[in-house]
Amino acid sequence: MKTIRTSMYCVAVAAMCGIMAYGAAAVPAESMSTAKMESRTKDKSRDPGIFGDYWWANRFLSRHKLVEQQRGKTVDLVLLGDSIMHFWEWKHPASWKKLTQGRTVLNLGYGGDRTQNVIWRVENGELDGYKAKNIVLMIGTNNNSSKDTNPANVAAAIEKIVALVRAKQPDAQLILHPIFPRGASANSSRHADARVRNDKTNALLKTFADAHPEIKWIDFNDKMVDSTGWVPRTIMADEIHPTDAGYDFWMDAILPHLKK
């Protein structure tokens, strides 16, 4: 245990050194390479492991164990993102079972992650050692939850992630989603404000995807909202994470496009 905790500390220190190096170059926070080894939780069901309540460290270790299991093999589908992907496997087992039936799926979604955390994870082995057929990327809604976030910086960071993914997995089909809509109504001020920033980020990503035909842009956001332009609670009960119906809808949207 002491050796493991020492290793975790060393990784965290290395991550901090990376932050300092990037900061010296005045790189926007969204494009930094940042770990979250210090993240803790009181929810004992959230990625339990040898690091106790340090859930992010537990998840990082568990993902790397799965990566090692796939070393030298082919993975049909990799999901790369935040809690919107994380919760699919964790909280919606029925839908997850349908997605994984007959295919190998590696879930690299972490609750609360931002672009800078995905950059760190990609740089630290989560796409190494195996061959992915398809990689689905969606990230950025947690960045845009902050009122002082510049959507242009979020879009630029996602473009950086795309470049990293392409370098790590050049033969994979990369599916890029716009950030999902959020909020059940304009009265949901926290979600409504973030929704504006998400929309601005998505517009920039669409321009980027149009200029890069090697990226498969799949946008079904208009089908996730009702006539008011907001997301019904049958699709997102908490206004940000899909329900079983929402995940099934997502699954139906991507499966026809997956590389065999």
C-alpha atoms as a PDB file:
ATOM      1  CA  MET A   1       0.000   0.000   0.000  1.00  0.00           C
ATOM      2  CA  LYS A   2       2.833   2.390   0.858  1.00  0.00           C
ATOM      3  CA  THR A   3       4.433   1.747  -2.550  1.00  0.00           C
ATOM      4  CA  ILE A   4       1.126   2.335  -4.327  1.00  0.00           C
ATOM      5  CA  ARG A   5       0.461   5.583  -2.486  1.00  0.00           C
ATOM      6  CA  THR A   6       4.007   6.721  -3.218  1.00  0.00           C
ATOM      7  CA  SER A   7       3.445   5.983  -6.890  1.00  0.00           C
ATOM      8  CA  MET A   8       0.205   7.952  -6.841  1.00  0.00           C
ATOM      9  CA  TYR A   9       2.020  10.870  -5.209  1.00  0.00           C
ATOM     10  CA  CYS A  10       4.741  10.758  -7.865  1.00  0.00           C
ATOM     11  CA  VAL A  11       2.149  10.803 -10.629  1.00  0.00           C
ATOM     12  CA  ALA A  12       0.424  13.770  -9.015  1.00  0.00           C
ATOM     13  CA  VAL A  13       3.743  15.636  -8.663  1.00  0.00           C
ATOM     14  CA  ALA A  14       4.556  14.935 -12.298  1.00  0.00           C
ATOM     15  CA  ALA A  15       1.148  16.269 -13.275  1.00  0.00           C
ATOM     16  CA  MET A  16       1.754  19.436 -11.251  1.00  0.00           C
ATOM     17  CA  CYS A  17       5.111  19.907 -12.944  1.00  0.00           C
ATOM     18  CA  GLY A  18       3.307  19.710 -16.259  1.00  0.00           C
ATOM     19  CA  ILE A  19       0.851  22.351 -15.097  1.00  0.00           C
ATOM     20  CA  MET A  20       3.701  24.655 -14.101  1.00  0.00           C
ATOM     21  CA  ALA A  21       5.433  24.169 -17.435  1.00  0.00           C
ATOM     22  CA  TYR A  22       2.274  24.912 -19.379  1.00  0.00           C
ATOM     23  CA  GLY A  23       1.474  27.877 -17.169  1.00  0.00           C
ATOM     24  CA  ALA A  24       4.832  29.428 -17.990  1.00  0.00           C
ATOM     25  CA  ALA A  25       3.826  29.398 -21.656  1.00  0.00           C
ATOM     26  CA  ALA A  26       0.439  30.987 -20.850  1.00  0.00           C
ATOM     27  CA  VAL A  27      -1.483  28.032 -22.285  1.00  0.00           C
ATOM     28  CA  PRO A  28      -5.231  28.255 -21.482  1.00  0.00           C
ATOM     29  CA  ALA A  29      -6.240  25.971 -18.634  1.00  0.00           C
ATOM     30  CA  GLU A  30      -8.495  23.981 -20.948  1.00  0.00           C
ATOM     31  CA  SER A  31      -5.489  22.802 -22.992  1.00  0.00           C
ATOM     32  CA  MET A  32      -3.238  21.956 -20.051  1.00  0.00           C
ATOM     33  CA  SER A  33      -2.464  18.358 -19.123  1.00  0.00           C
ATOM     34  CA  THR A  34      -3.963  17.917 -15.659  1.00  0.00           C
ATOM     35  CA  ALA A  35      -4.661  14.911 -13.418  1.00  0.00           C
ATOM     36  CA  LYS A  36      -7.219  14.830 -10.604  1.00  0.00           C
ATOM     37  CA  MET A  37      -5.531  12.387  -8.246  1.00  0.00           C
ATOM     38  CA  GLU A  38      -6.610  14.504  -5.270  1.00  0.00           C
ATOM     39  CA  SER A  39     -10.354  14.059  -6.009  1.00  0.00           C
ATOM     40  CA  ARG A  40     -12.232  12.365  -3.174  1.00  0.00           C
ATOM     41  CA  THR A  41     -15.801  11.181  -2.626  1.00  0.00           C
ATOM     42  CA  LYS A  42     -18.101  10.104   0.197  1.00  0.00           C
ATOM     43  CA  ASP A  43     -20.010   7.833  -2.192  1.00  0.00           C
ATOM     44  CA  LYS A  44     -18.607   4.367  -1.457  1.00  0.00           C
ATOM     45  CA  SER A  45     -20.145   2.967  -4.641  1.00  0.00           C
ATOM     46  CA  ARG A  46     -18.146   5.348  -6.820  1.00  0.00           C
ATOM     47  CA  ASP A  47     -15.135   3.500  -8.249  1.00  0.00           C
ATOM     48  CA  PRO A  48     -14.045   1.730  -5.053  1.00  0.00           C
ATOM     49  CA  GLY A  49     -10.458   0.540  -4.935  1.00  0.00           C
ATOM     50  CA  ILE A  50      -7.147   0.458  -3.129  1.00  0.00           C
ATOM     51  CA  PHE A  51      -6.958   4.249  -2.869  1.00  0.00           C
ATOM     52  CA  GLY A  52     -10.011   4.406  -0.629  1.00  0.00           C
ATOM     53  CA  ASP A  53     -12.090   7.535  -1.185  1.00  0.00           C
ATOM     54  CA  TYR A  54      -9.691   8.887  -3.827  1.00  0.00           C
ATOM     55  CA  TRP A  55     -12.138   7.807  -6.505  1.00  0.00           C
ATOM     56  CA  TRP A  56     -10.382   9.394  -9.510  1.00  0.00           C
ATOM     57  CA  ALA A  57      -7.158   7.555  -8.692  1.00  0.00           C
ATOM     58  CA  ASN A  58      -9.149   4.338  -8.294  1.00  0.00           C
ATOM     59  CA  ARG A  59     -10.799   4.843 -11.672  1.00  0.00           C
ATOM     60  CA  PHE A  60      -7.503   5.682 -13.346  1.00  0.00           C
ATOM     61  CA  LEU A  61      -6.018   2.444 -11.998  1.00  0.00           C
ATOM     62  CA  SER A  62      -9.084   0.398 -12.964  1.00  0.00           C
ATOM     63  CA  ARG A  63      -9.042   1.793 -16.514  1.00  0.00           C
ATOM     64  CA  HIS A  64      -5.371   0.904 -16.880  1.00  0.00           C
ATOM     65  CA  LYS A  65      -6.066  -2.636 -15.717  1.00  0.00           C
ATOM     66  CA  LEU A  66      -8.676  -2.883 -18.479  1.00  0.00           C
ATOM     67  CA  VAL A  67      -6.232  -1.412 -20.987  1.00  0.00           C
ATOM     68  CA  GLU A  68      -3.654  -4.010 -19.979  1.00  0.00           C
ATOM     69  CA  GLN A  69      -6.218  -6.758 -20.481  1.00  0.00           C
ATOM     70  CA  GLN A  70      -6.625  -5.538 -24.069  1.00  0.00           C
ATOM     71  CA  ARG A  71      -2.905  -5.228 -24.778  1.00  0.00           C
ATOM     72  CA  GLY A  72      -2.187  -6.516 -28.273  1.00  0.00           C
ATOM     73  CA  LYS A  73      -5.913  -6.969 -28.968  1.00  0.00           C
ATOM     74  CA  THR A  74      -8.574  -5.067 -30.874  1.00  0.00           C
ATOM     75  CA  VAL A  75     -11.257  -3.046 -29.064  1.00  0.00           C
ATOM     76  CA  ASP A  76     -14.467  -2.419 -30.977  1.00  0.00           C
ATOM     77  CA  LEU A  77     -15.468   0.811 -29.247  1.00  0.00           C
ATOM     78  CA  VAL A  78     -13.775   3.282 -26.898  1.00  0.00           C
ATOM     79  CA  LEU A  79     -15.796   5.986 -25.142  1.00  0.00           C
ATOM     80  CA  LEU A  80     -13.679   8.988 -24.174  1.00  0.00           C
ATOM     81  CA  GLY A  81     -15.167  11.749 -22.059  1.00  0.00           C
ATOM     82  CA  ASP A  82     -16.764  12.697 -18.751  1.00  0.00           C
ATOM     83  CA  SER A  83     -19.619  11.519 -16.511  1.00  0.00           C
ATOM     84  CA  ILE A  84     -22.030  11.370 -19.440  1.00  0.00           C
ATOM     85  CA  MET A  85     -20.042   8.318 -20.553  1.00  0.00           C
ATOM     86  CA  HIS A  86     -18.968   7.179 -17.083  1.00  0.00           C
ATOM     87  CA  PHE A  87     -22.563   6.919 -15.861  1.00  0.00           C
ATOM     88  CA  TRP A  88     -23.675   4.823 -18.831  1.00  0.00           C
ATOM     89  CA  GLU A  89     -21.768   1.844 -17.433  1.00  0.00           C
ATOM     90  CA  TRP A  90     -22.144   2.721 -13.746  1.00  0.00           C
ATOM     91  CA  LYS A  91     -25.801   3.730 -13.433  1.00  0.00           C
ATOM     92  CA  HIS A  92     -27.541   2.275 -16.484  1.00  0.00           C
ATOM     93  CA  PRO A  93     -26.561  -1.409 -16.648  1.00  0.00           C
ATOM     94  CA  ALA A  94     -29.484  -2.482 -18.834  1.00  0.00           C
ATOM     95  CA  SER A  95     -28.624  -0.009 -21.575  1.00  0.00           C
ATOM     96  CA  TRP A  96     -24.904  -0.712 -21.120  1.00  0.00           C
ATOM     97  CA  LYS A  97     -25.500  -4.430 -21.581  1.00  0.00           C
ATOM     98  CA  LYS A  98     -27.195  -3.745 -24.907  1.00  0.00           C
ATOM     99  CA  LEU A  99     -24.293  -1.578 -26.045  1.00  0.00           C
ATOM    100  CA  THR A 100     -21.636  -4.125 -25.099  1.00  0.00           C
ATOM    101  CA  GLN A 101     -23.424  -7.229 -26.344  1.00  0.00           C
ATOM    102  CA  GLY A 102     -21.301  -8.777 -29.075  1.00  0.00           C
ATOM    103  CA  ARG A 103     -18.611  -6.094 -28.942  1.00  0.00           C
ATOM    104  CA  THR A 104     -15.683  -5.031 -26.769  1.00  0.00           C
ATOM    105  CA  VAL A 105     -16.305  -1.602 -25.246  1.00  0.00           C
ATOM    106  CA  LEU A 106     -13.823   0.356 -23.144  1.00  0.00           C
ATOM    107  CA  ASN A 107     -15.411   3.146 -21.104  1.00  0.00           C
ATOM    108  CA  LEU A 108     -12.925   5.975 -20.514  1.00  0.00           C
ATOM    109  CA  GLY A 109     -15.459   8.412 -19.111  1.00  0.00           C
ATOM    110  CA  TYR A 110     -14.702  10.024 -15.718  1.00  0.00           C
ATOM    111  CA  GLY A 111     -17.262  11.981 -13.746  1.00  0.00           C
ATOM    112  CA  GLY A 112     -16.451  15.689 -13.579  1.00  0.00           C
ATOM    113  CA  ASP A 113     -13.626  15.543 -16.104  1.00  0.00           C
ATOM    114  CA  ARG A 114     -12.765  18.516 -18.247  1.00  0.00           C
ATOM    115  CA  THR A 115     -10.732  18.747 -21.418  1.00  0.00           C
ATOM    116  CA  GLN A 116      -7.468  19.121 -19.504  1.00  0.00           C
ATOM    117  CA  ASN A 117      -8.102  15.855 -17.636  1.00  0.00           C
ATOM    118  CA  VAL A 118      -8.793  13.939 -20.842  1.00  0.00           C
ATOM    119  CA  ILE A 119      -5.583  15.348 -22.324  1.00  0.00           C
ATOM    120  CA  TRP A 120      -3.649  14.029 -19.326  1.00  0.00           C
ATOM    121  CA  ARG A 121      -5.264  10.616 -19.526  1.00  0.00           C
ATOM    122  CA  VAL A 122      -4.574  10.223 -23.242  1.00  0.00           C
ATOM    123  CA  GLU A 123      -0.981  11.305 -22.682  1.00  0.00           C
ATOM    124  CA  ASN A 124      -0.647   8.785 -19.855  1.00  0.00           C
ATOM    125  CA  GLY A 125      -1.568   5.537 -21.506  1.00  0.00           C
ATOM    126  CA  GLU A 126      -5.327   5.125 -21.852  1.00  0.00           C
ATOM    127  CA  LEU A 127      -5.112   4.707 -25.629  1.00  0.00           C
ATOM    128  CA  ASP A 128      -1.885   2.695 -25.637  1.00  0.00           C
ATOM    129  CA  GLY A 129      -1.181  -0.963 -26.295  1.00  0.00           C
ATOM    130  CA  TYR A 130      -4.321  -1.971 -28.194  1.00  0.00           C
ATOM    131  CA  LYS A 131      -5.991  -1.235 -31.522  1.00  0.00           C
ATOM    132  CA  ALA A 132      -9.302   0.609 -31.386  1.00  0.00           C
ATOM    133  CA  LYS A 133     -11.772   0.303 -34.244  1.00  0.00           C
ATOM    134  CA  ASN A 134     -13.919   3.231 -33.106  1.00  0.00           C
ATOM    135  CA  ILE A 135     -13.355   6.031 -30.596  1.00  0.00           C
ATOM    136  CA  VAL A 136     -16.265   8.241 -29.554  1.00  0.00           C
ATOM    137  CA  LEU A 137     -15.230  11.608 -28.111  1.00  0.00           C
ATOM    138  CA  MET A 138     -17.420  14.085 -26.280  1.00  0.00           C
ATOM    139  CA  ILE A 139     -16.074  16.452 -23.642  1.00  0.00           C
ATOM    140  CA  GLY A 140     -16.428  20.047 -22.540  1.00  0.00           C
ATOM    141  CA  THR A 141     -19.695  20.473 -20.662  1.00  0.00           C
ATOM    142  CA  ASN A 142     -17.861  20.605 -17.313  1.00  0.00           C
ATOM    143  CA  ASN A 143     -15.519  23.283 -18.649  1.00  0.00           C
ATOM    144  CA  ASN A 144     -18.520  25.306 -19.745  1.00  0.00           C
ATOM    145  CA  SER A 145     -20.170  24.959 -16.351  1.00  0.00           C
ATOM    146  CA  SER A 146     -17.852  27.742 -15.209  1.00  0.00           C
ATOM    147  CA  LYS A 147     -19.145  31.215 -15.971  1.00  0.00           C
ATOM    148  CA  ASP A 148     -15.706  32.570 -16.864  1.00  0.00           C
ATOM    149  CA  THR A 149     -14.958  29.873 -19.444  1.00  0.00           C
ATOM    150  CA  ASN A 150     -14.227  30.966 -23.000  1.00  0.00           C
ATOM    151  CA  PRO A 151     -15.895  28.527 -25.445  1.00  0.00           C
ATOM    152  CA  ALA A 152     -13.110  29.167 -27.948  1.00  0.00           C
ATOM    153  CA  ASN A 153     -10.599  27.763 -25.462  1.00  0.00           C
ATOM    154  CA  VAL A 154     -12.763  24.683 -24.929  1.00  0.00           C
ATOM    155  CA  ALA A 155     -13.056  24.085 -28.661  1.00  0.00           C
ATOM    156  CA  ALA A 156      -9.291  24.505 -29.101  1.00  0.00           C
ATOM    157  CA  ALA A 157      -8.673  21.992 -26.318  1.00  0.00           C
ATOM    158  CA  ILE A 158     -11.004  19.471 -27.967  1.00  0.00           C
ATOM    159  CA  GLU A 159      -9.118  19.968 -31.222  1.00  0.00           C
ATOM    160  CA  LYS A 160      -5.938  19.179 -29.284  1.00  0.00           C
ATOM    161  CA  ILE A 161      -7.522  15.999 -27.938  1.00  0.00           C
ATOM    162  CA  VAL A 162      -8.491  15.001 -31.481  1.00  0.00           C
ATOM    163  CA  ALA A 163      -4.853  15.395 -32.558  1.00  0.00           C
ATOM    164  CA  LEU A 164      -3.651  13.319 -29.601  1.00  0.00           C
ATOM    165  CA  VAL A 165      -6.189  10.591 -30.307  1.00  0.00           C
ATOM    166  CA  ARG A 166      -5.251  10.495 -33.982  1.00  0.00           C
ATOM    167  CA  ALA A 167      -1.576  10.182 -33.056  1.00  0.00           C
ATOM    168  CA  LYS A 168      -2.235   7.367 -30.584  1.00  0.00           C
ATOM    169  CA  GLN A 169      -4.815   5.495 -32.669  1.00  0.00           C
ATOM    170  CA  PRO A 170      -4.323   6.490 -36.332  1.00  0.00           C
ATOM    171  CA  ASP A 171      -6.377   3.592 -37.705  1.00  0.00           C
ATOM    172  CA  ALA A 172      -9.407   4.140 -35.497  1.00  0.00           C
ATOM    173  CA  GLN A 173     -12.536   5.829 -36.743  1.00  0.00           C
ATOM    174  CA  LEU A 174     -12.885   8.915 -34.569  1.00  0.00           C
ATOM    175  CA  ILE A 175     -16.479   9.932 -33.919  1.00  0.00           C
ATOM    176  CA  LEU A 176     -16.794  13.449 -32.551  1.00  0.00           C
ATOM    177  CA  HIS A 177     -20.034  14.561 -30.946  1.00  0.00           C
ATOM    178  CA  PRO A 178     -21.021  18.118 -30.180  1.00  0.00           C
ATOM    179  CA  ILE A 179     -21.547  18.604 -26.453  1.00  0.00           C
ATOM    180  CA  PHE A 180     -25.026  17.375 -25.572  1.00  0.00           C
ATOM    181  CA  PRO A 181     -27.741  19.917 -24.778  1.00  0.00           C
ATOM    182  CA  ARG A 182     -28.583  20.360 -21.104  1.00  0.00           C
ATOM    183  CA  GLY A 183     -31.343  21.953 -19.051  1.00  0.00           C
ATOM    184  CA  ALA A 184     -35.087  21.288 -18.958  1.00  0.00           C
ATOM    185  CA  SER A 185     -36.044  24.943 -19.370  1.00  0.00           C
ATOM    186  CA  ALA A 186     -34.712  28.478 -19.444  1.00  0.00           C
ATOM    187  CA  ASN A 187     -35.520  28.639 -15.728  1.00  0.00           C
ATOM    188  CA  SER A 188     -32.706  26.180 -15.012  1.00  0.00           C
ATOM    189  CA  SER A 189     -30.222  29.015 -14.760  1.00  0.00           C
ATOM    190  CA  ARG A 190     -27.094  26.927 -14.125  1.00  0.00           C
ATOM    191  CA  HIS A 191     -27.773  24.673 -17.089  1.00  0.00           C
ATOM    192  CA  ALA A 192     -29.147  27.425 -19.293  1.00  0.00           C
ATOM    193  CA  ASP A 193     -26.012  29.549 -18.918  1.00  0.00           C
ATOM    194  CA  ALA A 194     -23.762  26.575 -19.616  1.00  0.00           C
ATOM    195  CA  ARG A 195     -25.960  25.641 -22.581  1.00  0.00           C
ATOM    196  CA  VAL A 196     -25.101  28.947 -24.251  1.00  0.00           C
ATOM    197  CA  ARG A 197     -21.391  28.256 -23.864  1.00  0.00           C
ATOM    198  CA  ASN A 198     -21.864  24.692 -25.090  1.00  0.00           C
ATOM    199  CA  ASP A 199     -23.656  25.936 -28.189  1.00  0.00           C
ATOM    200  CA  LYS A 200     -20.840  28.356 -28.967  1.00  0.00           C
ATOM    201  CA  THR A 201     -18.286  25.582 -28.498  1.00  0.00           C
ATOM    202  CA  ASN A 202     -20.298  23.269 -30.744  1.00  0.00           C
ATOM    203  CA  ALA A 203     -20.439  25.827 -33.546  1.00  0.00           C
ATOM    204  CA  LEU A 204     -16.644  26.036 -33.519  1.00  0.00           C
ATOM    205  CA  LEU A 205     -16.322  22.251 -33.426  1.00  0.00           C
ATOM    206  CA  LYS A 206     -18.646  21.900 -36.416  1.00  0.00           C
ATOM    207  CA  THR A 207     -16.406  24.216 -38.438  1.00  0.00           C
ATOM    208  CA  PHE A 208     -13.388  22.197 -37.340  1.00  0.00           C
ATOM    209  CA  ALA A 209     -15.015  18.872 -38.236  1.00  0.00           C
ATOM    210  CA  ASP A 210     -16.109  20.159 -41.644  1.00  0.00           C
ATOM    211  CA  ALA A 211     -12.471  20.956 -42.410  1.00  0.00           C
ATOM    212  CA  HIS A 212     -11.293  17.481 -41.329  1.00  0.00           C
ATOM    213  CA  PRO A 213     -13.114  14.733 -43.242  1.00  0.00           C
ATOM    214  CA  GLU A 214     -11.102  12.075 -41.389  1.00  0.00           C
ATOM    215  CA  ILE A 215     -13.299  12.889 -38.376  1.00  0.00           C
ATOM    216  CA  LYS A 216     -16.843  11.523 -38.322  1.00  0.00           C
ATOM    217  CA  TRP A 217     -19.129  14.236 -36.956  1.00  0.00           C
ATOM    218  CA  ILE A 218     -22.372  12.812 -35.550  1.00  0.00           C
ATOM    219  CA  ASP A 219     -24.793  15.442 -34.319  1.00  0.00           C
ATOM    220  CA  PHE A 220     -28.247  14.435 -33.091  1.00  0.00           C
ATOM    221  CA  ASN A 221     -28.673  17.195 -30.518  1.00  0.00           C
ATOM    222  CA  ASP A 222     -31.804  18.478 -32.252  1.00  0.00           C
ATOM    223  CA  LYS A 223     -33.453  15.125 -31.606  1.00  0.00           C
ATOM    224  CA  MET A 224     -32.716  15.301 -27.866  1.00  0.00           C
ATOM    225  CA  VAL A 225     -34.809  18.418 -27.313  1.00  0.00           C
ATOM    226  CA  ASP A 226     -38.554  18.982 -27.510  1.00  0.00           C
ATOM    227  CA  SER A 227     -40.534  21.724 -29.224  1.00  0.00           C
ATOM    228  CA  THR A 228     -39.377  24.242 -26.603  1.00  0.00           C
ATOM    229  CA  GLY A 229     -35.734  23.617 -27.493  1.00  0.00           C
ATOM    230  CA  TRP A 230     -35.006  22.106 -24.071  1.00  0.00           C
ATOM    231  CA  VAL A 231     -34.301  18.534 -22.987  1.00  0.00           C
ATOM    232  CA  PRO A 232     -37.318  16.612 -21.648  1.00  0.00           C
ATOM    233  CA  ARG A 233     -36.761  14.801 -18.367  1.00  0.00           C
ATOM    234  CA  THR A 234     -37.539  11.497 -20.077  1.00  0.00           C
ATOM    235  CA  ILE A 235     -34.197  11.970 -21.861  1.00  0.00           C
ATOM    236  CA  MET A 236     -32.258  13.651 -19.009  1.00  0.00           C
ATOM    237  CA  ALA A 237     -33.925  13.360 -15.610  1.00  0.00           C
ATOM    238  CA  ASP A 238     -31.237  15.480 -13.901  1.00  0.00           C
ATOM    239  CA  GLU A 239     -30.994  17.852 -16.890  1.00  0.00           C
ATOM    240  CA  ILE A 240     -27.468  16.781 -17.893  1.00  0.00           C
ATOM    241  CA  HIS A 241     -27.056  12.969 -17.817  1.00  0.00           C
ATOM    242  CA  PRO A 242     -29.138  10.713 -20.071  1.00  0.00           C
ATOM    243  CA  THR A 243     -31.745   8.329 -18.700  1.00  0.00           C
ATOM    244  CA  ASP A 244     -31.969   4.734 -19.956  1.00  0.00           C
ATOM    245  CA  ALA A 245     -34.078   6.101 -22.800  1.00  0.00           C
ATOM    246  CA  GLY A 246     -31.489   8.784 -23.479  1.00  0.00           C
ATOM    247  CA  TYR A 247     -28.636   6.287 -23.586  1.00  0.00           C
ATOM    248  CA  ASP A 248     -30.617   3.966 -25.839  1.00  0.00           C
ATOM    249  CA  PHE A 249     -31.277   6.910 -28.136  1.00  0.00           C
ATOM    250  CA  TRP A 250     -27.535   7.659 -28.224  1.00  0.00           C
ATOM    251  CA  MET A 251     -26.727   4.015 -28.888  1.00  0.00           C
ATOM    252  CA  ASP A 252     -29.139   3.879 -31.810  1.00  0.00           C
ATOM    253  CA  ALA A 253     -27.518   7.000 -33.252  1.00  0.00           C
ATOM    254  CA  ILE A 254     -23.966   5.659 -33.279  1.00  0.00           C
ATOM    255  CA  LEU A 255     -24.234   1.912 -33.892  1.00  0.00           C
ATOM    256  CA  PRO A 256     -25.060   2.187 -37.626  1.00  0.00           C
ATOM    257  CA  HIS A 257     -21.883   4.254 -38.105  1.00  0.00           C
ATOM    258  CA  LEU A 258     -19.412   2.031 -36.280  1.00  0.00           C
ATOM    259  CA  LYS A 259     -16.482   0.618 -38.200  1.00  0.00           C
ATOM    260  CA  LYS A 260     -16.709  -3.174 -38.286  1.00  0.00           C
END
